[in-house]
Amino acid sequence: IALEKLQCVGKYKELYDMLYRSI
């Protein structure tokens, strides 16, 4: 379960980074 949570966080972090850089 912890691994799945980590993957979810990683996906959101990637999206956040992309949005942050596009600004």
PDB file of N, CA and C in Angstrom:
ATOM      1  N   ILE A   1       0.857  -1.212   0.000  1.00  0.00           N
ATOM      2  CA  ILE A   1       0.000   0.000   0.000  1.00  0.00           C
ATOM      3  C   ILE A   1       0.887   1.255   0.000  1.00  0.00           C
ATOM      4  N   ALA A   2       1.976   1.211   0.768  1.00  0.00           N
ATOM      5  CA  ALA A   2       2.860   2.381   0.845  1.00  0.00           C
ATOM      6  C   ALA A   2       3.426   2.696  -0.541  1.00  0.00           C
ATOM      7  N   LEU A   3       3.795   1.659  -1.284  1.00  0.00           N
ATOM      8  CA  LEU A   3       4.355   1.876  -2.627  1.00  0.00           C
ATOM      9  C   LEU A   3       3.333   2.569  -3.514  1.00  0.00           C
ATOM     10  N   GLU A   4       2.088   2.113  -3.467  1.00  0.00           N
ATOM     11  CA  GLU A   4       1.041   2.729  -4.299  1.00  0.00           C
ATOM     12  C   GLU A   4       0.889   4.205  -3.945  1.00  0.00           C
ATOM     13  N   LYS A   5       0.936   4.496  -2.655  1.00  0.00           N
ATOM     14  CA  LYS A   5       0.800   5.894  -2.227  1.00  0.00           C
ATOM     15  C   LYS A   5       1.963   6.717  -2.775  1.00  0.00           C
ATOM     16  N   LEU A   6       3.165   6.147  -2.713  1.00  0.00           N
ATOM     17  CA  LEU A   6       4.345   6.850  -3.219  1.00  0.00           C
ATOM     18  C   LEU A   6       4.185   7.139  -4.701  1.00  0.00           C
ATOM     19  N   GLN A   7       3.695   6.164  -5.469  1.00  0.00           N
ATOM     20  CA  GLN A   7       3.516   6.357  -6.911  1.00  0.00           C
ATOM     21  C   GLN A   7       2.503   7.470  -7.160  1.00  0.00           C
ATOM     22  N   CYS A   8       1.435   7.495  -6.379  1.00  0.00           N
ATOM     23  CA  CYS A   8       0.411   8.544  -6.535  1.00  0.00           C
ATOM     24  C   CYS A   8       1.042   9.910  -6.278  1.00  0.00           C
ATOM     25  N   VAL A   9       1.801  10.015  -5.203  1.00  0.00           N
ATOM     26  CA  VAL A   9       2.453  11.284  -4.871  1.00  0.00           C
ATOM     27  C   VAL A   9       3.402  11.689  -5.991  1.00  0.00           C
ATOM     28  N   GLY A  10       4.148  10.724  -6.516  1.00  0.00           N
ATOM     29  CA  GLY A  10       5.086  11.006  -7.595  1.00  0.00           C
ATOM     30  C   GLY A  10       4.365  11.557  -8.817  1.00  0.00           C
ATOM     31  N   LYS A  11       3.203  10.953  -9.145  1.00  0.00           N
ATOM     32  CA  LYS A  11       2.434  11.435 -10.307  1.00  0.00           C
ATOM     33  C   LYS A  11       1.991  12.875 -10.081  1.00  0.00           C
ATOM     34  N   TYR A  12       1.479  13.149  -8.897  1.00  0.00           N
ATOM     35  CA  TYR A  12       1.015  14.517  -8.610  1.00  0.00           C
ATOM     36  C   TYR A  12       2.193  15.491  -8.624  1.00  0.00           C
ATOM     37  N   LYS A  13       3.340  15.039  -8.119  1.00  0.00           N
ATOM     38  CA  LYS A  13       4.519  15.905  -8.100  1.00  0.00           C
ATOM     39  C   LYS A  13       4.928  16.241  -9.539  1.00  0.00           C
ATOM     40  N   GLU A  14       4.873  15.245 -10.419  1.00  0.00           N
ATOM     41  CA  GLU A  14       5.233  15.500 -11.816  1.00  0.00           C
ATOM     42  C   GLU A  14       4.294  16.535 -12.411  1.00  0.00           C
ATOM     43  N   LEU A  15       2.995  16.364 -12.171  1.00  0.00           N
ATOM     44  CA  LEU A  15       2.009  17.319 -12.699  1.00  0.00           C
ATOM     45  C   LEU A  15       2.277  18.709 -12.129  1.00  0.00           C
ATOM     46  N   TYR A  16       2.529  18.772 -10.843  1.00  0.00           N
ATOM     47  CA  TYR A  16       2.781  20.056 -10.187  1.00  0.00           C
ATOM     48  C   TYR A  16       4.020  20.715 -10.785  1.00  0.00           C
ATOM     49  N   ASP A  17       5.075  19.933 -10.977  1.00  0.00           N
ATOM     50  CA  ASP A  17       6.306  20.492 -11.554  1.00  0.00           C
ATOM     51  C   ASP A  17       6.037  21.029 -12.944  1.00  0.00           C
ATOM     52  N   MET A  18       5.280  20.288 -13.751  1.00  0.00           N
ATOM     53  CA  MET A  18       4.975  20.732 -15.111  1.00  0.00           C
ATOM     54  C   MET A  18       4.206  22.053 -15.073  1.00  0.00           C
ATOM     55  N   LEU A  19       3.215  22.122 -14.217  1.00  0.00           N
ATOM     56  CA  LEU A  19       2.423  23.349 -14.114  1.00  0.00           C
ATOM     57  C   LEU A  19       3.301  24.498 -13.633  1.00  0.00           C
ATOM     58  N   TYR A  20       4.136  24.220 -12.661  1.00  0.00           N
ATOM     59  CA  TYR A  20       4.991  25.265 -12.093  1.00  0.00           C
ATOM     60  C   TYR A  20       5.941  25.817 -13.156  1.00  0.00           C
ATOM     61  N   ARG A  21       6.468  24.928 -14.001  1.00  0.00           N
ATOM     62  CA  ARG A  21       7.424  25.375 -15.025  1.00  0.00           C
ATOM     63  C   ARG A  21       6.712  26.112 -16.154  1.00  0.00           C
ATOM     64  N   SER A  22       5.471  25.742 -16.422  1.00  0.00           N
ATOM     65  CA  SER A  22       4.756  26.373 -17.543  1.00  0.00           C
ATOM     66  C   SER A  22       4.387  27.821 -17.217  1.00  0.00           C
ATOM     67  N   ILE A  23       4.364  28.169 -15.946  1.00  0.00           N
ATOM     68  CA  ILE A  23       3.976  29.540 -15.566  1.00  0.00           C
ATOM     69  C   ILE A  23       5.079  30.516 -15.941  1.00  0.00           C
TER      70      ILE A  23
END
